[in-house]
């Protein structure tokens, strides 16, 4: 299982200096990928949690990380399709893939927040059918020399979208989602699936099985798919007992959890400290957050953890 790291995009530790430090340090330590995520708004009562109160744009943050690194891959998990058009996202994707010299992985999802849907002028009506067509148009814009599409939800006159991305026919498309229909969509259409921050890591193999079965039913090779887990790691040396959550505990406990997750079919996991309020809360001390992040970076570095 390949190990990546979450780019600081949320809360107090998401400063320019810390983003630069983590991006360069993660590459130096051999991490496979840096991941960002999207959040457009947050409720004034903070009901979604501290991790969503203050979040940078994922594509812009990755573009900055691209300028700081040369080898590590860059992924977004995820951009929500209802909030953008396929033509705009295709242009951003191609540009970013060129800027990072072909290191981009694009995660796509549907989102869940009614407030963001309203603010973006989006609708949840027939959202699954819209997603299928979005992916079709998005892929065509990135891969085809000439694009023409007249569908139920999207219309693209006979035109060209240039320049093309470095990765051909397009950067890997990794779909998010938790319900069976979303999992089957990933198996039918995508290069892989990425779990949410709330995924049950004990039962994650069940979701992977649905994706793989859908791929096989569509005549695709399930073994070629990537299964990416957002690892909500919280180093808590005093966490003990049967109710300890996976990836929360001592470094040794978390290492054992990583082995267990790999055994359930996950091919890639990224350690995401954006979801640890002791590090990413908007009220945290950035200097203390960086010290804790450095400890985690060193503890789980692929070069030393294998």
C-alpha atoms as a PDB file:
ATOM      1  CA  UNK A   1       0.000   0.000   0.000  1.00  0.00           C
ATOM      2  CA  UNK A   2       1.403   3.378  -1.029  1.00  0.00           C
ATOM      3  CA  UNK A   3       1.397   6.116   1.610  1.00  0.00           C
ATOM      4  CA  UNK A   4       0.626   9.748   0.836  1.00  0.00           C
ATOM      5  CA  UNK A   5       0.065  12.850   2.921  1.00  0.00           C
ATOM      6  CA  UNK A   6      -2.621  15.521   3.158  1.00  0.00           C
ATOM      7  CA  UNK A   7      -1.465  18.966   2.085  1.00  0.00           C
ATOM      8  CA  UNK A   8      -2.220  21.600   4.755  1.00  0.00           C
ATOM      9  CA  UNK A   9      -5.356  23.227   3.348  1.00  0.00           C
ATOM     10  CA  UNK A  10      -7.597  23.560   6.417  1.00  0.00           C
ATOM     11  CA  UNK A  11      -7.382  25.720   9.488  1.00  0.00           C
ATOM     12  CA  UNK A  12      -4.491  27.290  11.370  1.00  0.00           C
ATOM     13  CA  UNK A  13      -1.701  25.178   9.905  1.00  0.00           C
ATOM     14  CA  UNK A  14      -2.647  26.000   6.276  1.00  0.00           C
ATOM     15  CA  UNK A  15      -0.195  28.893   6.019  1.00  0.00           C
ATOM     16  CA  UNK A  16       2.019  29.536   3.029  1.00  0.00           C
ATOM     17  CA  UNK A  17       5.151  28.612   4.975  1.00  0.00           C
ATOM     18  CA  UNK A  18       3.694  25.376   6.365  1.00  0.00           C
ATOM     19  CA  UNK A  19       2.304  24.311   2.976  1.00  0.00           C
ATOM     20  CA  UNK A  20       5.773  24.828   1.526  1.00  0.00           C
ATOM     21  CA  UNK A  21       7.452  22.946   4.366  1.00  0.00           C
ATOM     22  CA  UNK A  22       5.092  19.953   4.286  1.00  0.00           C
ATOM     23  CA  UNK A  23       5.153  19.656   0.494  1.00  0.00           C
ATOM     24  CA  UNK A  24       8.947  19.603   0.354  1.00  0.00           C
ATOM     25  CA  UNK A  25       9.351  17.418   3.433  1.00  0.00           C
ATOM     26  CA  UNK A  26       6.827  14.848   2.202  1.00  0.00           C
ATOM     27  CA  UNK A  27       8.651  14.562  -1.106  1.00  0.00           C
ATOM     28  CA  UNK A  28      12.009  14.288   0.660  1.00  0.00           C
ATOM     29  CA  UNK A  29      10.691  11.464   2.866  1.00  0.00           C
ATOM     30  CA  UNK A  30       9.357   9.445  -0.051  1.00  0.00           C
ATOM     31  CA  UNK A  31       5.620   9.929   0.322  1.00  0.00           C
ATOM     32  CA  UNK A  32       3.738   8.901  -2.813  1.00  0.00           C
ATOM     33  CA  UNK A  33       1.287  11.779  -3.101  1.00  0.00           C
ATOM     34  CA  UNK A  34      -0.012  15.031  -1.639  1.00  0.00           C
ATOM     35  CA  UNK A  35      -3.800  15.377  -1.440  1.00  0.00           C
ATOM     36  CA  UNK A  36      -6.147  18.348  -1.040  1.00  0.00           C
ATOM     37  CA  UNK A  37      -9.923  18.588  -0.654  1.00  0.00           C
ATOM     38  CA  UNK A  38     -12.718  21.019  -1.497  1.00  0.00           C
ATOM     39  CA  UNK A  39     -15.003  22.964   0.808  1.00  0.00           C
ATOM     40  CA  UNK A  40     -16.667  26.141  -0.493  1.00  0.00           C
ATOM     41  CA  UNK A  41     -18.506  27.365   2.597  1.00  0.00           C
ATOM     42  CA  UNK A  42     -19.132  26.545   6.243  1.00  0.00           C
ATOM     43  CA  UNK A  43     -22.159  27.161   8.464  1.00  0.00           C
ATOM     44  CA  UNK A  44     -21.955  29.994  10.940  1.00  0.00           C
ATOM     45  CA  UNK A  45     -22.763  27.647  13.817  1.00  0.00           C
ATOM     46  CA  UNK A  46     -19.774  25.397  12.991  1.00  0.00           C
ATOM     47  CA  UNK A  47     -22.027  22.351  12.787  1.00  0.00           C
ATOM     48  CA  UNK A  48     -19.912  20.608  10.139  1.00  0.00           C
ATOM     49  CA  UNK A  49     -16.824  20.539  12.350  1.00  0.00           C
ATOM     50  CA  UNK A  50     -13.683  22.606  12.736  1.00  0.00           C
ATOM     51  CA  UNK A  51     -11.987  20.988   9.741  1.00  0.00           C
ATOM     52  CA  UNK A  52     -14.421  22.761   7.392  1.00  0.00           C
ATOM     53  CA  UNK A  53     -14.348  26.274   8.866  1.00  0.00           C
ATOM     54  CA  UNK A  54     -11.446  27.625   6.798  1.00  0.00           C
ATOM     55  CA  UNK A  55     -10.345  25.709   3.680  1.00  0.00           C
ATOM     56  CA  UNK A  56      -8.195  26.767   0.717  1.00  0.00           C
ATOM     57  CA  UNK A  57      -9.186  26.055  -2.871  1.00  0.00           C
ATOM     58  CA  UNK A  58      -7.807  22.582  -3.709  1.00  0.00           C
ATOM     59  CA  UNK A  59      -6.632  23.257  -7.257  1.00  0.00           C
ATOM     60  CA  UNK A  60      -4.836  26.490  -6.407  1.00  0.00           C
ATOM     61  CA  UNK A  61      -3.170  24.851  -3.410  1.00  0.00           C
ATOM     62  CA  UNK A  62      -1.957  21.971  -5.598  1.00  0.00           C
ATOM     63  CA  UNK A  63      -0.633  24.411  -8.189  1.00  0.00           C
ATOM     64  CA  UNK A  64       1.507  25.974  -5.460  1.00  0.00           C
ATOM     65  CA  UNK A  65       2.682  22.535  -4.337  1.00  0.00           C
ATOM     66  CA  UNK A  66       3.537  21.718  -7.957  1.00  0.00           C
ATOM     67  CA  UNK A  67       5.965  24.630  -8.042  1.00  0.00           C
ATOM     68  CA  UNK A  68       7.668  23.393  -4.860  1.00  0.00           C
ATOM     69  CA  UNK A  69       8.143  19.733  -5.823  1.00  0.00           C
ATOM     70  CA  UNK A  70       9.385  17.591  -8.691  1.00  0.00           C
ATOM     71  CA  UNK A  71       8.468  13.940  -7.993  1.00  0.00           C
ATOM     72  CA  UNK A  72       5.579  13.510  -5.581  1.00  0.00           C
ATOM     73  CA  UNK A  73       2.153  13.089  -7.168  1.00  0.00           C
ATOM     74  CA  UNK A  74      -0.619  15.611  -6.505  1.00  0.00           C
ATOM     75  CA  UNK A  75      -4.254  14.681  -5.950  1.00  0.00           C
ATOM     76  CA  UNK A  76      -7.541  16.344  -5.107  1.00  0.00           C
ATOM     77  CA  UNK A  77     -10.132  14.333  -3.183  1.00  0.00           C
ATOM     78  CA  UNK A  78     -12.486  15.657  -4.370  1.00  0.00           C
ATOM     79  CA  UNK A  79     -13.804  18.442  -6.613  1.00  0.00           C
ATOM     80  CA  UNK A  80     -17.592  18.293  -6.538  1.00  0.00           C
ATOM     81  CA  UNK A  81     -19.001  18.064 -10.053  1.00  0.00           C
ATOM     82  CA  UNK A  82     -22.287  19.915  -9.404  1.00  0.00           C
ATOM     83  CA  UNK A  83     -20.386  23.087  -8.456  1.00  0.00           C
ATOM     84  CA  UNK A  84     -18.428  23.440 -11.729  1.00  0.00           C
ATOM     85  CA  UNK A  85     -18.917  22.855 -15.437  1.00  0.00           C
ATOM     86  CA  UNK A  86     -16.968  20.081 -17.163  1.00  0.00           C
ATOM     87  CA  UNK A  87     -15.393  22.555 -19.582  1.00  0.00           C
ATOM     88  CA  UNK A  88     -14.055  24.776 -16.786  1.00  0.00           C
ATOM     89  CA  UNK A  89     -12.705  21.835 -14.803  1.00  0.00           C
ATOM     90  CA  UNK A  90     -11.145  20.302 -17.924  1.00  0.00           C
ATOM     91  CA  UNK A  91      -9.262  23.547 -18.575  1.00  0.00           C
ATOM     92  CA  UNK A  92      -8.045  23.686 -14.969  1.00  0.00           C
ATOM     93  CA  UNK A  93      -7.090  20.007 -15.028  1.00  0.00           C
ATOM     94  CA  UNK A  94      -5.078  20.259 -18.228  1.00  0.00           C
ATOM     95  CA  UNK A  95      -3.288  23.382 -17.037  1.00  0.00           C
ATOM     96  CA  UNK A  96      -2.399  21.918 -13.646  1.00  0.00           C
ATOM     97  CA  UNK A  97      -1.223  18.650 -15.184  1.00  0.00           C
ATOM     98  CA  UNK A  98       1.095  20.647 -17.445  1.00  0.00           C
ATOM     99  CA  UNK A  99       2.375  22.769 -14.561  1.00  0.00           C
ATOM    100  CA  UNK A 100       3.192  19.699 -12.457  1.00  0.00           C
ATOM    101  CA  UNK A 101       4.637  17.832 -15.462  1.00  0.00           C
ATOM    102  CA  UNK A 102       2.098  15.021 -15.432  1.00  0.00           C
ATOM    103  CA  UNK A 103       1.739  14.267 -11.699  1.00  0.00           C
ATOM    104  CA  UNK A 104      -1.965  15.032 -11.201  1.00  0.00           C
ATOM    105  CA  UNK A 105      -4.752  12.727  -9.993  1.00  0.00           C
ATOM    106  CA  UNK A 106      -8.281  14.141 -10.215  1.00  0.00           C
ATOM    107  CA  UNK A 107     -10.863  13.078  -7.670  1.00  0.00           C
ATOM    108  CA  UNK A 108     -14.487  13.879  -8.487  1.00  0.00           C
ATOM    109  CA  UNK A 109     -17.515  13.732  -6.223  1.00  0.00           C
ATOM    110  CA  UNK A 110     -21.057  15.008  -5.783  1.00  0.00           C
ATOM    111  CA  UNK A 111     -20.886  16.918  -2.508  1.00  0.00           C
ATOM    112  CA  UNK A 112     -23.466  16.797   0.251  1.00  0.00           C
ATOM    113  CA  UNK A 113     -24.014  20.254   1.710  1.00  0.00           C
ATOM    114  CA  UNK A 114     -27.336  21.886   0.817  1.00  0.00           C
ATOM    115  CA  UNK A 115     -25.820  25.307   1.511  1.00  0.00           C
ATOM    116  CA  UNK A 116     -23.078  24.779  -1.066  1.00  0.00           C
ATOM    117  CA  UNK A 117     -25.553  23.481  -3.631  1.00  0.00           C
ATOM    118  CA  UNK A 118     -27.674  26.602  -3.147  1.00  0.00           C
ATOM    119  CA  UNK A 119     -24.740  29.018  -3.302  1.00  0.00           C
ATOM    120  CA  UNK A 120     -23.313  27.332  -6.412  1.00  0.00           C
ATOM    121  CA  UNK A 121     -26.669  27.383  -8.199  1.00  0.00           C
ATOM    122  CA  UNK A 122     -26.647  23.582  -8.374  1.00  0.00           C
ATOM    123  CA  UNK A 123     -29.451  21.071  -7.967  1.00  0.00           C
ATOM    124  CA  UNK A 124     -29.657  17.614  -6.456  1.00  0.00           C
ATOM    125  CA  UNK A 125     -32.331  16.593  -8.949  1.00  0.00           C
ATOM    126  CA  UNK A 126     -31.094  13.705 -11.129  1.00  0.00           C
ATOM    127  CA  UNK A 127     -27.631  14.227  -9.713  1.00  0.00           C
ATOM    128  CA  UNK A 128     -26.490  10.705 -10.652  1.00  0.00           C
ATOM    129  CA  UNK A 129     -27.432  11.106 -14.317  1.00  0.00           C
ATOM    130  CA  UNK A 130     -25.739  14.503 -14.359  1.00  0.00           C
ATOM    131  CA  UNK A 131     -22.584  12.954 -12.948  1.00  0.00           C
ATOM    132  CA  UNK A 132     -22.474  10.271 -15.638  1.00  0.00           C
ATOM    133  CA  UNK A 133     -22.775  12.884 -18.372  1.00  0.00           C
ATOM    134  CA  UNK A 134     -20.321  15.229 -16.653  1.00  0.00           C
ATOM    135  CA  UNK A 135     -17.643  12.526 -16.631  1.00  0.00           C
ATOM    136  CA  UNK A 136     -18.287  11.732 -20.291  1.00  0.00           C
ATOM    137  CA  UNK A 137     -17.913  15.375 -21.363  1.00  0.00           C
ATOM    138  CA  UNK A 138     -14.959  16.027 -19.035  1.00  0.00           C
ATOM    139  CA  UNK A 139     -13.069  13.016 -20.352  1.00  0.00           C
ATOM    140  CA  UNK A 140     -13.768  13.993 -23.965  1.00  0.00           C
ATOM    141  CA  UNK A 141     -12.537  17.550 -23.423  1.00  0.00           C
ATOM    142  CA  UNK A 142      -9.245  16.252 -22.051  1.00  0.00           C
ATOM    143  CA  UNK A 143      -8.696  13.420 -24.519  1.00  0.00           C
ATOM    144  CA  UNK A 144     -10.268  14.240 -27.879  1.00  0.00           C
ATOM    145  CA  UNK A 145      -8.839  16.593 -30.484  1.00  0.00           C
ATOM    146  CA  UNK A 146     -12.305  17.846 -31.421  1.00  0.00           C
ATOM    147  CA  UNK A 147     -15.208  17.874 -28.964  1.00  0.00           C
ATOM    148  CA  UNK A 148     -18.907  17.968 -29.739  1.00  0.00           C
ATOM    149  CA  UNK A 149     -21.608  17.058 -27.240  1.00  0.00           C
ATOM    150  CA  UNK A 150     -25.341  17.672 -27.118  1.00  0.00           C
ATOM    151  CA  UNK A 151     -26.724  15.926 -24.056  1.00  0.00           C
ATOM    152  CA  UNK A 152     -29.478  16.304 -21.517  1.00  0.00           C
ATOM    153  CA  UNK A 153     -27.451  18.468 -19.146  1.00  0.00           C
ATOM    154  CA  UNK A 154     -24.422  19.731 -21.081  1.00  0.00           C
ATOM    155  CA  UNK A 155     -23.936  21.198 -24.554  1.00  0.00           C
ATOM    156  CA  UNK A 156     -20.513  21.718 -26.125  1.00  0.00           C
ATOM    157  CA  UNK A 157     -20.463  23.036 -29.704  1.00  0.00           C
ATOM    158  CA  UNK A 158     -17.944  21.526 -32.098  1.00  0.00           C
ATOM    159  CA  UNK A 159     -14.743  22.987 -30.648  1.00  0.00           C
ATOM    160  CA  UNK A 160     -11.269  22.175 -29.385  1.00  0.00           C
ATOM    161  CA  UNK A 161      -9.915  22.238 -25.838  1.00  0.00           C
ATOM    162  CA  UNK A 162      -6.166  22.899 -25.852  1.00  0.00           C
ATOM    163  CA  UNK A 163      -3.591  22.461 -24.534  1.00  0.00           C
ATOM    164  CA  UNK A 164      -3.979  18.825 -23.636  1.00  0.00           C
ATOM    165  CA  UNK A 165      -2.701  17.422 -20.332  1.00  0.00           C
ATOM    166  CA  UNK A 166       0.659  15.708 -20.132  1.00  0.00           C
ATOM    167  CA  UNK A 167      -0.919  12.430 -19.030  1.00  0.00           C
ATOM    168  CA  UNK A 168      -2.740  10.861 -21.950  1.00  0.00           C
ATOM    169  CA  UNK A 169      -5.538  10.393 -22.564  1.00  0.00           C
ATOM    170  CA  UNK A 170      -6.111  12.294 -19.296  1.00  0.00           C
ATOM    171  CA  UNK A 171      -4.991  12.315 -15.654  1.00  0.00           C
ATOM    172  CA  UNK A 172      -6.425   9.438 -13.609  1.00  0.00           C
ATOM    173  CA  UNK A 173     -10.021  10.032 -12.559  1.00  0.00           C
ATOM    174  CA  UNK A 174     -10.755   8.838  -9.020  1.00  0.00           C
ATOM    175  CA  UNK A 175     -14.395   8.977  -7.938  1.00  0.00           C
ATOM    176  CA  UNK A 176     -15.625   9.495  -4.398  1.00  0.00           C
ATOM    177  CA  UNK A 177     -18.961   8.442  -2.948  1.00  0.00           C
ATOM    178  CA  UNK A 178     -20.327   6.156  -0.267  1.00  0.00           C
ATOM    179  CA  UNK A 179     -23.706   4.841  -1.434  1.00  0.00           C
ATOM    180  CA  UNK A 180     -23.805   1.715  -3.630  1.00  0.00           C
ATOM    181  CA  UNK A 181     -24.792   3.674  -6.762  1.00  0.00           C
ATOM    182  CA  UNK A 182     -21.728   5.918  -6.405  1.00  0.00           C
ATOM    183  CA  UNK A 183     -19.485   2.927  -5.789  1.00  0.00           C
ATOM    184  CA  UNK A 184     -20.818   1.206  -8.897  1.00  0.00           C
ATOM    185  CA  UNK A 185     -20.227   4.392 -10.904  1.00  0.00           C
ATOM    186  CA  UNK A 186     -16.587   4.317  -9.866  1.00  0.00           C
ATOM    187  CA  UNK A 187     -16.310   0.717 -11.020  1.00  0.00           C
ATOM    188  CA  UNK A 188     -17.973   1.453 -14.370  1.00  0.00           C
ATOM    189  CA  UNK A 189     -16.321   4.723 -15.285  1.00  0.00           C
ATOM    190  CA  UNK A 190     -13.276   5.645 -13.226  1.00  0.00           C
ATOM    191  CA  UNK A 191      -9.658   4.715 -12.647  1.00  0.00           C
ATOM    192  CA  UNK A 192     -10.337   4.190  -8.962  1.00  0.00           C
ATOM    193  CA  UNK A 193     -12.276   5.152  -5.852  1.00  0.00           C
ATOM    194  CA  UNK A 194     -11.418   7.344  -2.866  1.00  0.00           C
ATOM    195  CA  UNK A 195     -13.068   7.002   0.535  1.00  0.00           C
ATOM    196  CA  UNK A 196     -14.456   9.865   2.608  1.00  0.00           C
ATOM    197  CA  UNK A 197     -13.165  11.105   5.947  1.00  0.00           C
ATOM    198  CA  UNK A 198     -16.091   9.346   7.625  1.00  0.00           C
ATOM    199  CA  UNK A 199     -15.505   5.922   6.054  1.00  0.00           C
ATOM    200  CA  UNK A 200     -15.696   2.866   8.309  1.00  0.00           C
ATOM    201  CA  UNK A 201     -12.200   1.495   7.846  1.00  0.00           C
ATOM    202  CA  UNK A 202     -13.202  -1.848   9.342  1.00  0.00           C
ATOM    203  CA  UNK A 203     -15.843  -2.301   6.638  1.00  0.00           C
ATOM    204  CA  UNK A 204     -14.034  -0.516   3.793  1.00  0.00           C
ATOM    205  CA  UNK A 205     -13.472  -3.847   2.057  1.00  0.00           C
ATOM    206  CA  UNK A 206     -17.237  -4.056   1.437  1.00  0.00           C
ATOM    207  CA  UNK A 207     -17.151  -0.803  -0.528  1.00  0.00           C
ATOM    208  CA  UNK A 208     -14.120  -1.969  -2.481  1.00  0.00           C
ATOM    209  CA  UNK A 209     -15.922  -5.199  -3.336  1.00  0.00           C
ATOM    210  CA  UNK A 210     -18.877  -3.275  -4.820  1.00  0.00           C
ATOM    211  CA  UNK A 211     -16.531  -1.177  -6.961  1.00  0.00           C
ATOM    212  CA  UNK A 212     -14.658  -4.224  -8.186  1.00  0.00           C
ATOM    213  CA  UNK A 213     -17.839  -6.135  -8.994  1.00  0.00           C
ATOM    214  CA  UNK A 214     -19.200  -3.193 -10.986  1.00  0.00           C
ATOM    215  CA  UNK A 215     -15.949  -2.969 -12.921  1.00  0.00           C
ATOM    216  CA  UNK A 216     -16.075  -6.658 -13.789  1.00  0.00           C
ATOM    217  CA  UNK A 217     -19.726  -6.386 -14.857  1.00  0.00           C
ATOM    218  CA  UNK A 218     -18.749  -3.513 -17.182  1.00  0.00           C
ATOM    219  CA  UNK A 219     -16.032  -5.640 -18.786  1.00  0.00           C
ATOM    220  CA  UNK A 220     -13.210  -3.793 -17.050  1.00  0.00           C
ATOM    221  CA  UNK A 221     -10.240  -5.220 -15.167  1.00  0.00           C
ATOM    222  CA  UNK A 222     -10.861  -4.748 -11.418  1.00  0.00           C
ATOM    223  CA  UNK A 223      -7.188  -5.336 -10.644  1.00  0.00           C
ATOM    224  CA  UNK A 224      -6.274  -2.195 -12.589  1.00  0.00           C
ATOM    225  CA  UNK A 225      -8.296   0.074 -10.280  1.00  0.00           C
ATOM    226  CA  UNK A 226      -6.844   2.183  -7.490  1.00  0.00           C
ATOM    227  CA  UNK A 227      -8.445   2.243  -4.055  1.00  0.00           C
ATOM    228  CA  UNK A 228      -7.455   5.349  -2.113  1.00  0.00           C
ATOM    229  CA  UNK A 229      -8.238   5.843   1.570  1.00  0.00           C
ATOM    230  CA  UNK A 230      -8.288   9.199   3.310  1.00  0.00           C
ATOM    231  CA  UNK A 231      -6.558   8.263   6.541  1.00  0.00           C
ATOM    232  CA  UNK A 232      -7.809  10.455   9.367  1.00  0.00           C
ATOM    233  CA  UNK A 233      -4.757   9.938  11.567  1.00  0.00           C
ATOM    234  CA  UNK A 234      -4.773  11.229  15.142  1.00  0.00           C
ATOM    235  CA  UNK A 235      -1.703  10.402  17.184  1.00  0.00           C
ATOM    236  CA  UNK A 236      -2.970   9.921  20.738  1.00  0.00           C
ATOM    237  CA  UNK A 237      -0.562   7.795  22.815  1.00  0.00           C
ATOM    238  CA  UNK A 238      -3.128   7.461  25.596  1.00  0.00           C
ATOM    239  CA  UNK A 239      -5.891   6.047  23.353  1.00  0.00           C
ATOM    240  CA  UNK A 240      -6.629   2.531  24.545  1.00  0.00           C
ATOM    241  CA  UNK A 241      -9.516   0.114  24.820  1.00  0.00           C
ATOM    242  CA  UNK A 242     -11.842  -1.670  22.466  1.00  0.00           C
ATOM    243  CA  UNK A 243     -13.531   1.574  21.408  1.00  0.00           C
ATOM    244  CA  UNK A 244     -10.302   3.045  19.976  1.00  0.00           C
ATOM    245  CA  UNK A 245     -11.022   4.287  16.450  1.00  0.00           C
ATOM    246  CA  UNK A 246      -8.802   3.007  13.623  1.00  0.00           C
ATOM    247  CA  UNK A 247      -5.833   5.309  12.935  1.00  0.00           C
ATOM    248  CA  UNK A 248      -6.194   6.917  16.373  1.00  0.00           C
ATOM    249  CA  UNK A 249      -3.655   5.933  19.008  1.00  0.00           C
ATOM    250  CA  UNK A 250       0.076   5.492  19.384  1.00  0.00           C
ATOM    251  CA  UNK A 251       2.389   5.343  16.394  1.00  0.00           C
ATOM    252  CA  UNK A 252       2.692   1.572  16.773  1.00  0.00           C
ATOM    253  CA  UNK A 253      -1.082   1.144  16.975  1.00  0.00           C
ATOM    254  CA  UNK A 254      -1.572   3.253  13.869  1.00  0.00           C
ATOM    255  CA  UNK A 255       1.056   1.268  11.977  1.00  0.00           C
ATOM    256  CA  UNK A 256      -0.872  -1.904  12.804  1.00  0.00           C
ATOM    257  CA  UNK A 257      -4.066  -0.212  11.609  1.00  0.00           C
ATOM    258  CA  UNK A 258      -2.376   0.676   8.315  1.00  0.00           C
ATOM    259  CA  UNK A 259      -1.480  -2.970   7.786  1.00  0.00           C
ATOM    260  CA  UNK A 260      -5.079  -3.963   8.493  1.00  0.00           C
ATOM    261  CA  UNK A 261      -6.443  -1.414   6.006  1.00  0.00           C
ATOM    262  CA  UNK A 262      -4.045  -2.655   3.338  1.00  0.00           C
ATOM    263  CA  UNK A 263      -5.330  -6.168   3.937  1.00  0.00           C
ATOM    264  CA  UNK A 264      -8.863  -5.013   3.089  1.00  0.00           C
ATOM    265  CA  UNK A 265      -7.908  -4.049  -0.451  1.00  0.00           C
ATOM    266  CA  UNK A 266      -6.792  -0.426  -0.124  1.00  0.00           C
ATOM    267  CA  UNK A 267      -3.949   0.285  -2.558  1.00  0.00           C
ATOM    268  CA  UNK A 268      -3.135   3.833  -1.382  1.00  0.00           C
ATOM    269  CA  UNK A 269      -3.699   5.681   1.891  1.00  0.00           C
ATOM    270  CA  UNK A 270      -2.895   9.283   2.644  1.00  0.00           C
ATOM    271  CA  UNK A 271      -2.411  10.550   6.169  1.00  0.00           C
ATOM    272  CA  UNK A 272      -4.668  13.577   6.491  1.00  0.00           C
ATOM    273  CA  UNK A 273      -3.965  15.788   9.487  1.00  0.00           C
ATOM    274  CA  UNK A 274      -6.490  18.334   8.217  1.00  0.00           C
ATOM    275  CA  UNK A 275      -9.037  16.275  10.152  1.00  0.00           C
ATOM    276  CA  UNK A 276      -7.137  16.332  13.459  1.00  0.00           C
ATOM    277  CA  UNK A 277      -8.452  19.377  15.358  1.00  0.00           C
ATOM    278  CA  UNK A 278      -5.326  19.476  17.524  1.00  0.00           C
ATOM    279  CA  UNK A 279      -3.426  20.365  14.350  1.00  0.00           C
ATOM    280  CA  UNK A 280      -5.891  21.977  11.959  1.00  0.00           C
ATOM    281  CA  UNK A 281      -8.391  23.826  14.114  1.00  0.00           C
ATOM    282  CA  UNK A 282      -8.545  27.503  13.131  1.00  0.00           C
ATOM    283  CA  UNK A 283      -7.826  28.199  16.790  1.00  0.00           C
ATOM    284  CA  UNK A 284      -4.699  26.013  16.979  1.00  0.00           C
ATOM    285  CA  UNK A 285      -1.187  27.413  17.280  1.00  0.00           C
ATOM    286  CA  UNK A 286       0.434  27.042  13.833  1.00  0.00           C
ATOM    287  CA  UNK A 287       3.917  26.531  15.275  1.00  0.00           C
ATOM    288  CA  UNK A 288       2.697  23.728  17.540  1.00  0.00           C
ATOM    289  CA  UNK A 289       0.745  22.223  14.654  1.00  0.00           C
ATOM    290  CA  UNK A 290       3.864  22.153  12.505  1.00  0.00           C
ATOM    291  CA  UNK A 291       5.854  20.417  15.238  1.00  0.00           C
ATOM    292  CA  UNK A 292       3.190  17.729  15.554  1.00  0.00           C
ATOM    293  CA  UNK A 293       2.953  17.379  11.775  1.00  0.00           C
ATOM    294  CA  UNK A 294       6.706  16.919  11.485  1.00  0.00           C
ATOM    295  CA  UNK A 295       6.557  14.133  14.056  1.00  0.00           C
ATOM    296  CA  UNK A 296       3.860  12.384  12.038  1.00  0.00           C
ATOM    297  CA  UNK A 297       5.705  12.912   8.753  1.00  0.00           C
ATOM    298  CA  UNK A 298       8.823  11.309  10.218  1.00  0.00           C
ATOM    299  CA  UNK A 299       6.973   8.488  11.979  1.00  0.00           C
ATOM    300  CA  UNK A 300       5.159   7.199   8.894  1.00  0.00           C
ATOM    301  CA  UNK A 301       7.659   8.060   6.182  1.00  0.00           C
ATOM    302  CA  UNK A 302       7.605   5.282   3.556  1.00  0.00           C
ATOM    303  CA  UNK A 303      11.389   5.040   3.630  1.00  0.00           C
ATOM    304  CA  UNK A 304      11.359   4.180   7.335  1.00  0.00           C
ATOM    305  CA  UNK A 305       7.941   2.540   7.872  1.00  0.00           C
ATOM    306  CA  UNK A 306       8.310  -0.423   5.535  1.00  0.00           C
END
